[in-house]
Amino acid sequence: LYWRDTCEIKVCDAGITDQDLAIAKNTSHRLKLKNAGRGSSVTSVKWSSENKKIATVNAKNGLVKGKKAGSTHIRATVKCKNGKTYTYRSSLKVSDPKFKSGYKIIGLNEQAKLTLKGTSSYSITKWKTANKSVVTVTDSGEIYGVQTGSAKITATVDGRKLSCKVYVTNPSLVSDYACLWPGATAQIQVNGVCEKSKVSYWSENGGGAWETGGGTVVAAAGGSTNIIVTADGREMKFKVEVASKDAISACGAGYQIITTSQYSQTYRMTPGYYDCSSLVFRAYGCNAALLGGSASWAPTAADMAAHMVQTGKVIANQAVDVSQLRPGDLIFYGGRNNGRYLGIYHVSMYYGHGDRLENPLYSYWPRDNIVMIARPIP
């Protein structure tokens, strides 16, 4: 792309020094003459405004005052000793500059442009920050957030001084996850904002929870959703998973077991020890009717899976996306030639927030060796 244009620049050797001038409404500026007599002595100068509703001028000293926004011309009539009279003309625009808002919020390490209204094509703006360690400003009004806090930005426009308070924020979520049962609530908390910050919330897909205003999340039916939190232009996700109260309690009980006990198949039913199926069994309160086995003895992972089939608790016969899981769901791994049901050799509980109940917590991945997923409590 190639572009070229030309313009004519006329240099005046005599006349009003400010040929194109902008002043703000209710401000003043003194005009001056250069070489007004063109070699002859000046006997008198009379200043006048072509539109006194826009600007007035002191006839003797050339002090111009802006009355209202608009354009006009200021004239200087110069009489000389040699009998000649010269008339000089200056183009004047009266502006009424203001900030579009008295404050501006930007994120840490982000930039934005401060905008003015009521300026003219002749307007000249000079920018200044009160605290460079918080926010900087360029000659064109571009601001940059250096560190969190606030600072005043001053713009001097056509003789009028304006100020805008700039807040630098760094929004973040105190927590990005909640596991709730139907009817329970959670409050989304946002850090790093200021008193002027605007925070909004909306549910990404409506599944399992609703945001009812002010960041309060109310759990509905089982499922999961993301609450999109927008603070000062920064978008964050708050994940909500909804399951039955008993399933959530089982997750908590299971986590307590793995953090206070040791893994052992030999001593799987002895206090202080666990294996995969006895962990699930104890987490659900040794409920044999729910999981199989007896009140004093946990079933194997394979027998537990068979019981899920018999009681109609299976939700998938293969891996599913994590978005389809609920805390408390059982994940069965199989396919081995071990003589057990579906070759199952391991069971794990979905703990929530993308993790399985293992020590330490493991991320869930939809692997090929997942042969069944069951939901003991709908």
Protein backbone atom coordinates (compact mmCIF):
# COMPACT_ATOMS: atom_id res chain seq x y z
CA LEU A 1 0.00 0.00 0.00
CA TYR A 2 1.43 3.35 -1.06
CA TRP A 3 -0.10 6.71 -0.22
CA ARG A 4 1.09 10.25 -0.84
CA ASP A 5 -0.41 13.67 -0.31
CA THR A 6 0.81 17.23 -0.30
CA CYS A 7 -0.03 20.33 1.64
CA GLU A 8 0.92 23.98 1.40
CA ILE A 9 2.67 25.66 4.32
CA LYS A 10 2.59 29.43 4.30
CA VAL A 11 5.13 31.23 6.47
CA CYS A 12 3.99 34.69 7.58
CA ASP A 13 6.65 37.28 8.29
CA ALA A 14 4.19 39.57 10.04
CA GLY A 15 0.95 39.16 11.95
CA ILE A 16 -0.54 37.39 14.96
CA THR A 17 1.87 34.78 16.31
CA ASP A 18 -0.93 32.26 16.99
CA GLN A 19 -2.46 31.74 13.57
CA ASP A 20 -4.52 28.72 14.64
CA LEU A 21 -5.46 28.84 18.31
CA ALA A 22 -7.60 26.73 20.63
CA ILE A 23 -8.68 27.80 24.08
CA ALA A 24 -11.13 26.13 26.42
CA LYS A 25 -14.40 27.69 27.43
CA ASN A 26 -13.96 30.09 30.39
CA THR A 27 -10.18 30.28 29.89
CA SER A 28 -8.13 33.10 28.41
CA HIS A 29 -5.05 33.58 26.26
CA ARG A 30 -3.18 36.76 25.29
CA LEU A 31 -2.44 37.14 21.59
CA LYS A 32 0.74 38.79 20.39
CA LEU A 33 1.88 40.47 17.18
CA LYS A 34 5.12 40.05 15.27
CA ASN A 35 6.54 42.68 12.93
CA ALA A 36 3.12 44.31 12.98
CA GLY A 37 4.29 47.57 11.39
CA ARG A 38 6.37 45.86 8.72
CA GLY A 39 9.28 48.22 9.27
CA SER A 40 7.25 51.23 10.38
CA SER A 41 6.45 52.27 13.93
CA VAL A 42 3.05 51.18 15.24
CA THR A 43 0.86 53.98 16.51
CA SER A 44 -2.18 51.92 17.59
CA VAL A 45 -3.54 48.36 17.75
CA LYS A 46 -7.20 47.49 18.06
CA TRP A 47 -8.34 43.92 18.66
CA SER A 48 -11.82 42.61 17.80
CA SER A 49 -13.76 39.35 17.68
CA GLU A 50 -15.88 38.37 14.72
CA ASN A 51 -18.26 36.48 17.03
CA LYS A 52 -18.46 37.72 20.59
CA LYS A 53 -20.79 34.85 21.53
CA ILE A 54 -17.92 32.45 20.91
CA ALA A 55 -15.03 34.55 22.24
CA THR A 56 -14.32 38.09 23.33
CA VAL A 57 -11.05 39.97 23.13
CA ASN A 58 -9.75 43.00 25.00
CA ALA A 59 -9.50 45.71 22.36
CA LYS A 60 -6.30 47.08 23.85
CA ASN A 61 -4.19 44.14 25.03
CA GLY A 62 -5.42 41.19 22.93
CA LEU A 63 -6.58 39.03 25.86
CA VAL A 64 -8.99 36.48 24.41
CA LYS A 65 -11.66 34.78 26.56
CA GLY A 66 -13.58 31.71 25.47
CA LYS A 67 -17.35 32.05 25.94
CA LYS A 68 -18.80 28.91 24.37
CA ALA A 69 -17.68 26.09 22.10
CA GLY A 70 -17.41 27.08 18.47
CA SER A 71 -15.21 28.82 15.89
CA THR A 72 -14.50 32.44 15.14
CA HIS A 73 -11.70 34.78 14.09
CA ILE A 74 -9.83 37.41 16.04
CA ARG A 75 -8.68 40.54 14.19
CA ALA A 76 -5.91 42.98 14.98
CA THR A 77 -6.11 46.36 13.20
CA VAL A 78 -2.68 48.00 13.23
CA LYS A 79 -2.09 51.65 12.33
CA CYS A 80 1.44 52.77 11.56
CA LYS A 81 3.37 56.04 11.61
CA ASN A 82 3.79 55.93 7.84
CA GLY A 83 -0.02 56.14 7.46
CA LYS A 84 -0.58 52.54 6.50
CA THR A 85 -3.11 50.26 8.22
CA TYR A 86 -2.73 46.49 8.41
CA THR A 87 -5.36 43.95 9.46
CA TYR A 88 -4.24 40.59 10.78
CA ARG A 89 -6.48 37.63 11.38
CA SER A 90 -6.21 34.56 13.63
CA SER A 91 -8.44 31.47 13.49
CA LEU A 92 -9.80 30.57 16.92
CA LYS A 93 -11.65 27.48 18.15
CA VAL A 94 -13.17 27.41 21.61
CA SER A 95 -13.35 23.91 23.07
CA ASP A 96 -15.19 22.50 26.07
CA PRO A 97 -12.97 19.52 26.95
CA LYS A 98 -13.99 16.89 29.49
CA PHE A 99 -13.09 13.32 30.32
CA LYS A 100 -15.74 10.88 29.19
CA SER A 101 -15.55 9.44 32.71
CA GLY A 102 -14.05 10.68 35.94
CA TYR A 103 -12.29 7.36 36.48
CA LYS A 104 -10.76 4.52 34.53
CA ILE A 105 -9.99 0.93 35.52
CA ILE A 106 -7.24 -1.09 33.83
CA GLY A 107 -5.67 -4.42 34.65
CA LEU A 108 -2.14 -4.92 35.90
CA ASN A 109 0.33 -4.92 32.96
CA GLU A 110 -2.44 -3.82 30.62
CA GLN A 111 -2.84 -0.62 28.65
CA ALA A 112 -5.73 1.56 27.58
CA LYS A 113 -6.37 4.99 26.14
CA LEU A 114 -7.96 7.81 28.07
CA THR A 115 -10.53 9.60 25.93
CA LEU A 116 -11.69 13.20 25.95
CA LYS A 117 -14.79 14.82 24.54
CA GLY A 118 -15.44 18.43 23.58
CA THR A 119 -12.04 19.04 21.97
CA SER A 120 -11.41 20.70 18.60
CA SER A 121 -9.08 20.03 15.72
CA TYR A 122 -6.79 22.74 17.12
CA SER A 123 -6.74 21.33 20.66
CA ILE A 124 -3.43 20.57 22.35
CA THR A 125 -3.32 18.16 25.28
CA LYS A 126 -0.50 17.64 27.77
CA TRP A 127 -0.64 14.55 29.96
CA LYS A 128 0.84 13.91 33.38
CA THR A 129 0.64 11.13 35.99
CA ALA A 130 0.78 11.73 39.72
CA ASN A 131 2.45 8.38 40.39
CA LYS A 132 4.56 6.66 37.74
CA SER A 133 5.04 3.61 39.94
CA VAL A 134 1.30 2.84 39.63
CA VAL A 135 0.38 4.06 36.14
CA THR A 136 2.25 5.75 33.32
CA VAL A 137 0.84 7.91 30.55
CA THR A 138 2.16 8.79 27.10
CA ASP A 139 1.87 12.03 25.15
CA SER A 140 -1.14 10.57 23.37
CA GLY A 141 -3.02 9.56 26.53
CA GLU A 142 -2.11 5.85 26.52
CA ILE A 143 -1.96 4.56 30.09
CA TYR A 144 -0.22 1.44 31.40
CA GLY A 145 -0.82 -0.32 34.72
CA VAL A 146 2.52 -0.80 36.48
CA GLN A 147 1.28 -2.02 39.87
CA THR A 148 -2.04 -2.28 41.68
CA GLY A 149 -3.31 0.92 43.24
CA SER A 150 -4.64 4.24 42.02
CA ALA A 151 -3.18 7.47 40.66
CA LYS A 152 -4.48 10.72 39.24
CA ILE A 153 -3.88 11.49 35.58
CA THR A 154 -3.97 15.16 34.65
CA ALA A 155 -4.74 16.42 31.15
CA THR A 156 -4.23 20.11 30.41
CA VAL A 157 -6.33 20.88 27.33
CA ASP A 158 -6.38 24.32 25.75
CA GLY A 159 -5.66 25.91 29.11
CA ARG A 160 -8.14 23.83 31.11
CA LYS A 161 -6.81 21.31 33.64
CA LEU A 162 -8.74 18.04 33.91
CA SER A 163 -8.17 15.03 36.13
CA CYS A 164 -9.10 11.37 35.94
CA LYS A 165 -8.49 8.78 38.64
CA VAL A 166 -7.03 5.56 37.27
CA TYR A 167 -7.36 2.31 39.20
CA VAL A 168 -4.99 -0.57 38.43
CA THR A 169 -6.51 -3.90 39.46
CA ASN A 170 -5.48 -7.55 39.30
CA PRO A 171 -8.68 -9.61 39.63
CA SER A 172 -8.46 -13.26 40.68
CA LEU A 173 -10.77 -15.85 42.21
CA VAL A 174 -10.26 -16.84 45.84
CA SER A 175 -11.36 -20.32 44.76
CA ASP A 176 -12.28 -21.56 41.30
CA TYR A 177 -14.36 -24.58 42.33
CA ALA A 178 -17.37 -25.65 44.39
CA CYS A 179 -18.95 -29.07 44.91
CA LEU A 180 -22.58 -28.75 45.96
CA TRP A 181 -25.67 -30.86 46.50
CA PRO A 182 -29.05 -29.72 45.12
CA GLY A 183 -30.30 -26.69 47.01
CA ALA A 184 -26.90 -25.80 48.47
CA THR A 185 -25.26 -22.47 47.72
CA ALA A 186 -21.75 -21.10 47.29
CA GLN A 187 -20.45 -17.56 47.12
CA ILE A 188 -17.92 -16.67 44.42
CA GLN A 189 -15.28 -14.36 45.88
CA VAL A 190 -13.10 -12.09 43.76
CA ASN A 191 -9.81 -10.62 44.96
CA GLY A 192 -7.74 -7.78 43.53
CA VAL A 193 -10.57 -5.42 42.58
CA CYS A 194 -11.37 -1.85 43.69
CA GLU A 195 -14.48 -0.02 44.83
CA LYS A 196 -15.21 1.00 41.24
CA SER A 197 -14.76 -2.47 39.77
CA LYS A 198 -17.54 -4.05 37.78
CA VAL A 199 -17.99 -7.79 38.26
CA SER A 200 -20.47 -9.85 36.25
CA TYR A 201 -21.45 -13.52 36.30
CA TRP A 202 -23.19 -15.87 33.93
CA SER A 203 -23.61 -19.63 33.68
CA GLU A 204 -21.87 -21.16 30.67
CA ASN A 205 -24.36 -23.93 29.98
CA GLY A 206 -26.89 -23.86 32.78
CA GLY A 207 -26.18 -27.48 33.74
CA GLY A 208 -26.40 -28.19 37.46
CA ALA A 209 -26.20 -24.67 38.91
CA TRP A 210 -27.39 -21.13 38.48
CA GLU A 211 -25.87 -17.79 39.40
CA THR A 212 -28.53 -15.73 41.10
CA GLY A 213 -26.79 -12.36 41.30
CA GLY A 214 -23.87 -10.99 43.23
CA GLY A 215 -21.88 -14.18 42.75
CA THR A 216 -24.20 -16.48 44.71
CA VAL A 217 -24.43 -19.91 43.08
CA VAL A 218 -27.46 -22.12 43.77
CA ALA A 219 -27.14 -25.81 42.92
CA ALA A 220 -30.01 -27.38 41.03
CA ALA A 221 -30.02 -30.87 39.52
CA GLY A 222 -26.88 -32.99 39.35
CA GLY A 223 -24.30 -32.07 36.74
CA SER A 224 -21.65 -29.45 36.18
CA THR A 225 -21.26 -26.00 34.74
CA ASN A 226 -18.82 -23.12 34.59
CA ILE A 227 -19.76 -19.74 35.97
CA ILE A 228 -18.00 -17.13 33.85
CA VAL A 229 -16.80 -14.30 36.06
CA THR A 230 -15.76 -11.07 34.35
CA ALA A 231 -14.00 -8.44 36.46
CA ASP A 232 -12.54 -5.27 34.94
CA GLY A 233 -12.36 -6.96 31.54
CA ARG A 234 -10.65 -10.12 32.83
CA GLU A 235 -12.55 -13.37 32.29
CA MET A 236 -12.27 -16.23 34.81
CA LYS A 237 -14.04 -19.58 35.26
CA PHE A 238 -15.60 -20.89 38.44
CA LYS A 239 -16.45 -24.59 38.09
CA VAL A 240 -19.47 -26.02 39.88
CA GLU A 241 -20.21 -29.74 40.19
CA VAL A 242 -23.49 -30.91 41.67
CA ALA A 243 -24.01 -34.38 43.15
CA SER A 244 -26.09 -35.96 45.88
CA LYS A 245 -25.28 -34.98 49.45
CA ASP A 246 -24.43 -38.60 50.35
CA ALA A 247 -22.05 -38.93 47.37
CA ILE A 248 -20.26 -35.71 48.36
CA SER A 249 -20.01 -36.98 51.95
CA ALA A 250 -18.50 -40.22 50.62
CA CYS A 251 -15.82 -38.20 48.79
CA GLY A 252 -14.93 -36.40 52.00
CA ALA A 253 -14.84 -39.65 53.99
CA GLY A 254 -12.69 -41.31 51.34
CA TYR A 255 -10.20 -38.45 51.35
CA GLN A 256 -9.92 -38.72 55.12
CA ILE A 257 -9.12 -42.43 54.79
CA ILE A 258 -6.35 -42.08 52.20
CA THR A 259 -4.67 -39.27 54.13
CA THR A 260 -4.66 -41.15 57.45
CA SER A 261 -4.19 -44.78 56.36
CA GLN A 262 -1.83 -47.00 54.36
CA TYR A 263 -2.56 -49.00 51.23
CA SER A 264 -2.57 -52.78 51.79
CA GLN A 265 -4.54 -55.54 50.11
CA THR A 266 -3.60 -57.95 52.91
CA TYR A 267 -5.03 -55.73 55.65
CA ARG A 268 -7.68 -54.06 53.49
CA MET A 269 -10.42 -54.28 56.15
CA THR A 270 -8.18 -53.51 59.12
CA PRO A 271 -8.41 -50.00 60.56
CA GLY A 272 -5.54 -47.88 59.29
CA TYR A 273 -5.34 -49.74 55.97
CA TYR A 274 -7.27 -49.83 52.71
CA ASP A 275 -7.21 -51.02 49.11
CA CYS A 276 -9.18 -49.67 46.16
CA SER A 277 -12.51 -51.42 46.76
CA SER A 278 -12.41 -51.25 50.57
CA LEU A 279 -11.72 -47.50 50.26
CA VAL A 280 -14.90 -47.03 48.21
CA PHE A 281 -16.84 -49.37 50.51
CA ARG A 282 -15.83 -47.52 53.69
CA ALA A 283 -16.31 -44.10 52.08
CA TYR A 284 -19.96 -45.05 51.45
CA GLY A 285 -20.38 -46.24 55.05
CA CYS A 286 -19.89 -49.98 54.44
CA ASN A 287 -23.27 -50.06 52.69
CA ALA A 288 -23.48 -53.62 51.34
CA ALA A 289 -26.92 -53.04 49.85
CA LEU A 290 -25.49 -50.21 47.82
CA LEU A 291 -22.15 -51.72 46.77
CA GLY A 292 -22.32 -55.49 47.44
CA GLY A 293 -20.29 -57.56 49.89
CA SER A 294 -21.32 -57.70 53.53
CA ALA A 295 -21.43 -55.15 56.31
CA SER A 296 -18.01 -56.36 57.53
CA TRP A 297 -16.32 -57.19 54.24
CA ALA A 298 -15.90 -55.09 51.11
CA PRO A 299 -16.45 -56.72 47.70
CA THR A 300 -13.63 -56.80 45.18
CA ALA A 301 -13.65 -54.19 42.46
CA ALA A 302 -15.01 -56.76 39.98
CA ASP A 303 -17.77 -57.92 42.34
CA MET A 304 -18.68 -54.30 43.05
CA ALA A 305 -19.03 -53.69 39.31
CA ALA A 306 -21.26 -56.73 38.95
CA HIS A 307 -23.43 -55.41 41.77
CA MET A 308 -23.72 -52.05 39.96
CA VAL A 309 -25.01 -53.88 36.91
CA GLN A 310 -27.50 -55.89 38.96
CA THR A 311 -28.85 -52.78 40.70
CA GLY A 312 -29.06 -50.66 37.54
CA LYS A 313 -26.42 -48.11 38.58
CA VAL A 314 -24.27 -48.23 35.42
CA ILE A 315 -24.16 -44.96 33.44
CA ALA A 316 -21.57 -46.00 30.82
CA ASN A 317 -19.69 -49.08 29.65
CA GLN A 318 -16.67 -47.09 28.61
CA ALA A 319 -14.85 -43.90 29.47
CA VAL A 320 -16.79 -40.63 29.30
CA ASP A 321 -15.74 -37.01 29.25
CA VAL A 322 -15.04 -35.59 32.70
CA SER A 323 -17.95 -33.16 32.26
CA GLN A 324 -20.33 -36.15 32.49
CA LEU A 325 -18.98 -37.32 35.84
CA ARG A 326 -20.26 -36.36 39.26
CA PRO A 327 -18.40 -36.59 42.57
CA GLY A 328 -18.93 -40.05 44.02
CA ASP A 329 -19.12 -41.85 40.65
CA LEU A 330 -17.20 -45.12 40.41
CA ILE A 331 -14.70 -45.75 37.62
CA PHE A 332 -13.87 -49.39 36.90
CA TYR A 333 -10.67 -50.38 35.09
CA GLY A 334 -10.56 -53.76 33.37
CA GLY A 335 -9.88 -55.71 30.22
CA ARG A 336 -7.27 -58.00 31.79
CA ASN A 337 -7.34 -61.75 31.54
CA ASN A 338 -7.70 -62.30 35.27
CA GLY A 339 -10.84 -64.44 35.35
CA ARG A 340 -12.88 -61.69 37.01
CA TYR A 341 -15.95 -59.84 35.78
CA LEU A 342 -14.95 -57.85 32.66
CA GLY A 343 -11.33 -58.42 33.66
CA ILE A 344 -11.74 -55.65 36.24
CA TYR A 345 -8.72 -55.07 38.46
CA HIS A 346 -9.28 -51.60 39.94
CA VAL A 347 -12.00 -49.21 41.03
CA SER A 348 -11.57 -45.51 41.67
CA MET A 349 -13.96 -42.83 42.86
CA TYR A 350 -14.35 -39.54 41.02
CA TYR A 351 -13.47 -36.95 43.67
CA GLY A 352 -14.36 -33.80 41.73
CA HIS A 353 -12.62 -30.91 39.98
CA GLY A 354 -11.16 -33.37 37.45
CA ASP A 355 -9.51 -35.65 40.05
CA ARG A 356 -9.86 -39.28 41.11
CA LEU A 357 -9.67 -40.36 44.75
CA GLU A 358 -6.14 -41.77 44.90
CA ASN A 359 -3.16 -40.95 47.11
CA PRO A 360 -2.15 -38.47 45.86
CA LEU A 361 -5.17 -37.31 43.87
CA TYR A 362 -4.87 -38.29 40.19
CA SER A 363 -6.40 -36.49 37.25
CA TYR A 364 -9.15 -38.35 35.45
CA TRP A 365 -8.43 -39.28 31.84
CA PRO A 366 -10.92 -41.15 29.59
CA ARG A 367 -8.63 -44.15 28.95
CA ASP A 368 -9.37 -47.28 26.92
CA ASN A 369 -9.05 -49.56 29.97
CA ILE A 370 -12.10 -47.96 31.61
CA VAL A 371 -14.81 -50.59 31.13
CA MET A 372 -17.60 -49.21 33.29
CA ILE A 373 -18.73 -46.09 35.13
CA ALA A 374 -21.43 -46.35 37.78
CA ARG A 375 -23.32 -43.91 39.95
CA PRO A 376 -24.24 -45.57 43.25
CA ILE A 377 -26.47 -42.68 44.36
CA PRO A 378 -28.27 -40.76 41.58
